[in-house]
N, C-alpha and C. Protein backbone atom coordinates (compact mmCIF):
# COMPACT_ATOMS: atom_id res chain seq x y z
N UNK A 1 -8.48 24.89 -49.88
CA UNK A 1 -8.21 23.77 -49.01
C UNK A 1 -6.77 23.88 -48.50
N UNK A 2 -6.58 23.66 -47.20
CA UNK A 2 -5.24 23.79 -46.63
C UNK A 2 -4.53 22.44 -46.66
N UNK A 3 -3.24 22.46 -46.93
CA UNK A 3 -2.51 21.20 -46.98
C UNK A 3 -2.31 20.64 -45.56
N UNK A 4 -2.17 19.34 -45.41
CA UNK A 4 -1.95 18.77 -44.07
C UNK A 4 -0.61 19.24 -43.52
N UNK A 5 -0.49 19.34 -42.20
CA UNK A 5 0.78 19.81 -41.61
C UNK A 5 1.90 18.80 -41.89
N UNK A 6 3.08 19.37 -41.98
CA UNK A 6 4.27 18.54 -42.23
C UNK A 6 4.58 17.73 -40.97
N UNK A 7 5.00 16.46 -41.10
CA UNK A 7 5.25 15.64 -39.91
C UNK A 7 6.31 16.21 -38.98
N UNK A 8 7.25 16.99 -39.50
CA UNK A 8 8.31 17.55 -38.65
C UNK A 8 7.82 18.74 -37.83
N UNK A 9 6.71 19.31 -38.19
CA UNK A 9 6.22 20.48 -37.47
C UNK A 9 5.58 20.10 -36.13
N UNK A 10 4.96 18.95 -36.03
CA UNK A 10 4.27 18.53 -34.81
C UNK A 10 4.80 17.17 -34.36
N UNK A 11 5.95 17.15 -33.69
CA UNK A 11 6.45 15.85 -33.25
C UNK A 11 5.57 15.28 -32.14
N UNK A 12 5.55 13.97 -32.03
CA UNK A 12 4.76 13.29 -31.00
C UNK A 12 5.33 13.64 -29.63
N UNK A 13 4.53 14.25 -28.72
CA UNK A 13 5.08 14.65 -27.42
C UNK A 13 5.38 13.47 -26.50
N UNK A 14 4.71 12.34 -26.69
CA UNK A 14 4.94 11.18 -25.82
C UNK A 14 5.95 10.24 -26.46
N UNK A 15 7.03 9.92 -25.74
CA UNK A 15 7.99 8.97 -26.32
C UNK A 15 7.40 7.57 -26.36
N UNK A 16 7.97 6.74 -27.18
CA UNK A 16 7.51 5.36 -27.31
C UNK A 16 7.84 4.60 -26.02
N UNK A 17 6.84 3.99 -25.36
CA UNK A 17 7.12 3.30 -24.10
C UNK A 17 7.93 2.02 -24.29
N UNK A 18 7.91 1.45 -25.47
CA UNK A 18 8.66 0.22 -25.73
C UNK A 18 10.07 0.59 -26.18
N UNK A 19 11.10 0.06 -25.51
CA UNK A 19 12.47 0.36 -25.95
C UNK A 19 12.79 -0.36 -27.25
N UNK A 20 13.73 0.19 -27.97
CA UNK A 20 14.18 -0.45 -29.19
C UNK A 20 15.00 -1.67 -28.82
N UNK A 21 14.66 -2.86 -29.30
CA UNK A 21 15.39 -4.06 -28.90
C UNK A 21 16.85 -4.05 -29.34
N UNK A 22 17.16 -3.40 -30.47
CA UNK A 22 18.55 -3.39 -30.94
C UNK A 22 19.36 -2.32 -30.20
N UNK A 23 18.70 -1.37 -29.54
CA UNK A 23 19.42 -0.32 -28.84
C UNK A 23 19.51 -0.53 -27.34
N UNK A 24 18.88 -1.54 -26.81
CA UNK A 24 18.88 -1.80 -25.38
C UNK A 24 20.01 -2.77 -25.06
N UNK A 25 20.84 -2.39 -24.09
CA UNK A 25 21.97 -3.26 -23.76
C UNK A 25 21.51 -4.49 -22.99
N UNK A 26 22.14 -5.60 -23.24
CA UNK A 26 21.89 -6.80 -22.49
C UNK A 26 20.77 -7.68 -22.98
N UNK A 27 20.01 -7.25 -23.97
CA UNK A 27 18.91 -8.08 -24.45
C UNK A 27 19.40 -8.90 -25.63
N UNK A 28 19.26 -10.19 -25.52
CA UNK A 28 19.67 -11.10 -26.58
C UNK A 28 18.50 -11.32 -27.53
N UNK A 29 18.78 -11.86 -28.70
CA UNK A 29 17.69 -12.17 -29.61
C UNK A 29 16.69 -13.13 -28.95
N UNK A 30 15.44 -12.84 -29.08
CA UNK A 30 14.40 -13.65 -28.45
C UNK A 30 13.99 -13.10 -27.10
N UNK A 31 14.62 -12.04 -26.64
CA UNK A 31 14.21 -11.39 -25.39
C UNK A 31 14.93 -11.87 -24.15
N UNK A 32 15.92 -12.74 -24.28
CA UNK A 32 16.64 -13.23 -23.11
C UNK A 32 17.63 -12.20 -22.58
N UNK A 33 18.10 -12.41 -21.38
CA UNK A 33 19.07 -11.54 -20.76
C UNK A 33 20.25 -12.41 -20.33
N UNK A 34 21.49 -12.00 -20.64
CA UNK A 34 22.63 -12.81 -20.26
C UNK A 34 22.85 -12.81 -18.75
N UNK A 35 23.50 -13.84 -18.20
CA UNK A 35 23.77 -13.88 -16.77
C UNK A 35 24.63 -12.70 -16.34
N UNK A 36 24.37 -12.19 -15.16
CA UNK A 36 25.11 -11.05 -14.64
C UNK A 36 24.55 -9.71 -15.06
N UNK A 37 23.59 -9.68 -15.93
CA UNK A 37 23.00 -8.43 -16.40
C UNK A 37 21.93 -7.93 -15.44
N UNK A 38 21.31 -8.80 -14.68
CA UNK A 38 20.27 -8.41 -13.73
C UNK A 38 20.83 -8.45 -12.31
N UNK A 39 20.29 -7.65 -11.39
CA UNK A 39 20.77 -7.69 -10.01
C UNK A 39 20.36 -8.99 -9.33
N UNK A 40 21.07 -9.38 -8.28
CA UNK A 40 20.70 -10.61 -7.58
C UNK A 40 19.35 -10.47 -6.88
N UNK A 41 18.74 -11.60 -6.59
CA UNK A 41 17.45 -11.59 -5.91
C UNK A 41 17.62 -11.08 -4.48
N UNK A 42 16.54 -10.54 -3.92
CA UNK A 42 16.58 -10.04 -2.55
C UNK A 42 16.64 -11.18 -1.57
N UNK A 43 17.17 -10.88 -0.39
CA UNK A 43 17.18 -11.86 0.68
C UNK A 43 15.81 -11.97 1.31
N UNK A 44 15.63 -12.91 2.19
CA UNK A 44 14.35 -13.10 2.86
C UNK A 44 14.09 -12.04 3.92
N UNK A 45 13.00 -12.20 4.62
CA UNK A 45 12.60 -11.27 5.67
C UNK A 45 12.93 -11.84 7.05
N UNK A 46 13.95 -12.68 7.13
CA UNK A 46 14.23 -13.36 8.39
C UNK A 46 14.66 -12.41 9.50
N UNK A 47 15.27 -11.29 9.17
CA UNK A 47 15.75 -10.37 10.20
C UNK A 47 14.76 -9.28 10.56
N UNK A 48 13.60 -9.26 9.95
CA UNK A 48 12.64 -8.19 10.19
C UNK A 48 11.74 -8.53 11.37
N UNK A 49 11.21 -7.51 12.00
CA UNK A 49 10.23 -7.70 13.06
C UNK A 49 10.86 -7.74 14.45
N UNK A 50 10.01 -7.75 15.47
CA UNK A 50 10.52 -7.77 16.84
C UNK A 50 11.14 -9.12 17.18
N UNK A 51 12.05 -9.10 18.14
CA UNK A 51 12.75 -10.32 18.53
C UNK A 51 11.90 -11.16 19.47
N UNK A 52 10.86 -10.60 20.07
CA UNK A 52 10.01 -11.34 21.00
C UNK A 52 8.57 -11.31 20.52
N UNK A 53 7.77 -12.21 21.02
CA UNK A 53 6.36 -12.23 20.68
C UNK A 53 5.60 -11.28 21.60
N UNK A 54 4.96 -10.25 21.05
CA UNK A 54 4.19 -9.35 21.91
C UNK A 54 2.96 -10.07 22.47
N UNK A 55 2.47 -9.61 23.62
CA UNK A 55 1.28 -10.25 24.19
C UNK A 55 0.08 -10.05 23.27
N UNK A 56 -0.78 -11.02 23.24
CA UNK A 56 -1.96 -10.95 22.38
C UNK A 56 -3.19 -10.61 23.20
N UNK A 57 -4.10 -9.86 22.61
CA UNK A 57 -5.34 -9.51 23.29
C UNK A 57 -5.18 -8.28 24.18
N UNK A 58 -6.30 -7.91 24.79
CA UNK A 58 -6.31 -6.74 25.67
C UNK A 58 -5.81 -7.15 27.05
N UNK A 59 -5.16 -6.24 27.69
CA UNK A 59 -4.78 -6.50 29.08
C UNK A 59 -6.02 -6.30 29.94
N UNK A 60 -6.05 -6.85 31.12
CA UNK A 60 -7.26 -6.84 31.96
C UNK A 60 -7.58 -5.45 32.48
N UNK A 61 -6.60 -4.63 32.75
CA UNK A 61 -6.84 -3.28 33.28
C UNK A 61 -7.62 -2.39 32.33
N UNK A 62 -7.11 -2.14 31.12
CA UNK A 62 -7.85 -1.27 30.19
C UNK A 62 -9.22 -1.83 29.81
N UNK A 63 -9.31 -3.15 29.69
CA UNK A 63 -10.59 -3.75 29.33
C UNK A 63 -11.62 -3.54 30.43
N UNK A 64 -11.21 -3.68 31.70
CA UNK A 64 -12.12 -3.46 32.83
C UNK A 64 -12.53 -1.99 32.91
N UNK A 65 -11.60 -1.08 32.62
CA UNK A 65 -11.90 0.35 32.65
C UNK A 65 -12.92 0.71 31.57
N UNK A 66 -12.75 0.20 30.38
CA UNK A 66 -13.69 0.49 29.29
C UNK A 66 -15.07 -0.10 29.61
N UNK A 67 -15.08 -1.31 30.11
CA UNK A 67 -16.35 -1.95 30.45
C UNK A 67 -17.07 -1.20 31.57
N UNK A 68 -16.34 -0.79 32.61
CA UNK A 68 -16.94 -0.04 33.71
C UNK A 68 -17.49 1.31 33.25
N UNK A 69 -16.75 1.99 32.41
CA UNK A 69 -17.20 3.28 31.88
C UNK A 69 -18.45 3.11 31.03
N UNK A 70 -18.51 2.05 30.24
CA UNK A 70 -19.69 1.78 29.42
C UNK A 70 -20.92 1.50 30.29
N UNK A 71 -20.74 0.76 31.37
CA UNK A 71 -21.86 0.47 32.28
C UNK A 71 -22.33 1.76 32.96
N UNK A 72 -21.40 2.63 33.35
CA UNK A 72 -21.79 3.91 33.97
C UNK A 72 -22.58 4.78 33.00
N UNK A 73 -22.16 4.85 31.77
CA UNK A 73 -22.87 5.68 30.79
C UNK A 73 -24.25 5.10 30.52
N UNK A 74 -24.35 3.78 30.38
CA UNK A 74 -25.66 3.15 30.16
C UNK A 74 -26.58 3.38 31.34
N UNK A 75 -26.05 3.29 32.56
CA UNK A 75 -26.87 3.52 33.76
C UNK A 75 -27.34 4.97 33.82
N UNK A 76 -26.48 5.92 33.44
CA UNK A 76 -26.86 7.33 33.43
C UNK A 76 -28.05 7.56 32.50
N UNK A 77 -27.98 7.02 31.28
CA UNK A 77 -29.07 7.24 30.33
C UNK A 77 -30.35 6.50 30.75
N UNK A 78 -30.21 5.36 31.41
CA UNK A 78 -31.38 4.65 31.91
C UNK A 78 -32.08 5.47 32.99
N UNK A 79 -31.30 6.01 33.93
CA UNK A 79 -31.88 6.84 34.99
C UNK A 79 -32.48 8.11 34.39
N UNK A 80 -31.82 8.71 33.42
CA UNK A 80 -32.33 9.92 32.78
C UNK A 80 -33.67 9.65 32.08
N UNK A 81 -33.77 8.48 31.41
CA UNK A 81 -35.03 8.13 30.74
C UNK A 81 -36.14 7.91 31.77
N UNK A 82 -35.81 7.27 32.90
CA UNK A 82 -36.83 7.04 33.94
C UNK A 82 -37.30 8.36 34.56
N UNK A 83 -36.38 9.31 34.75
CA UNK A 83 -36.77 10.62 35.30
C UNK A 83 -37.68 11.35 34.34
N UNK A 84 -37.42 11.27 33.04
CA UNK A 84 -38.26 11.95 32.06
C UNK A 84 -39.66 11.32 32.01
N UNK A 85 -39.77 10.03 32.22
CA UNK A 85 -41.06 9.37 32.17
C UNK A 85 -41.91 9.68 33.39
N UNK A 86 -41.31 9.92 34.52
CA UNK A 86 -42.06 10.17 35.75
C UNK A 86 -42.38 11.60 35.86
């Protein structure tokens, strides 16, 4: 029977994800953090985005072009189906 491996021979490859509470700076007993230890909160998003309101919806030109092209394609297939039937 072989003896179990010595604990020093196979160290755990994954470090402990939980920090040691006594070795972590800034943590008080009970898990609190003293003032000044954390960075200040972020500012708002007031300066983000465009300065003007962009127009909403489709403009009339591209919408009319798409609609006209769709009608032409539908008419082509309708005529093609009628030619095949006759």
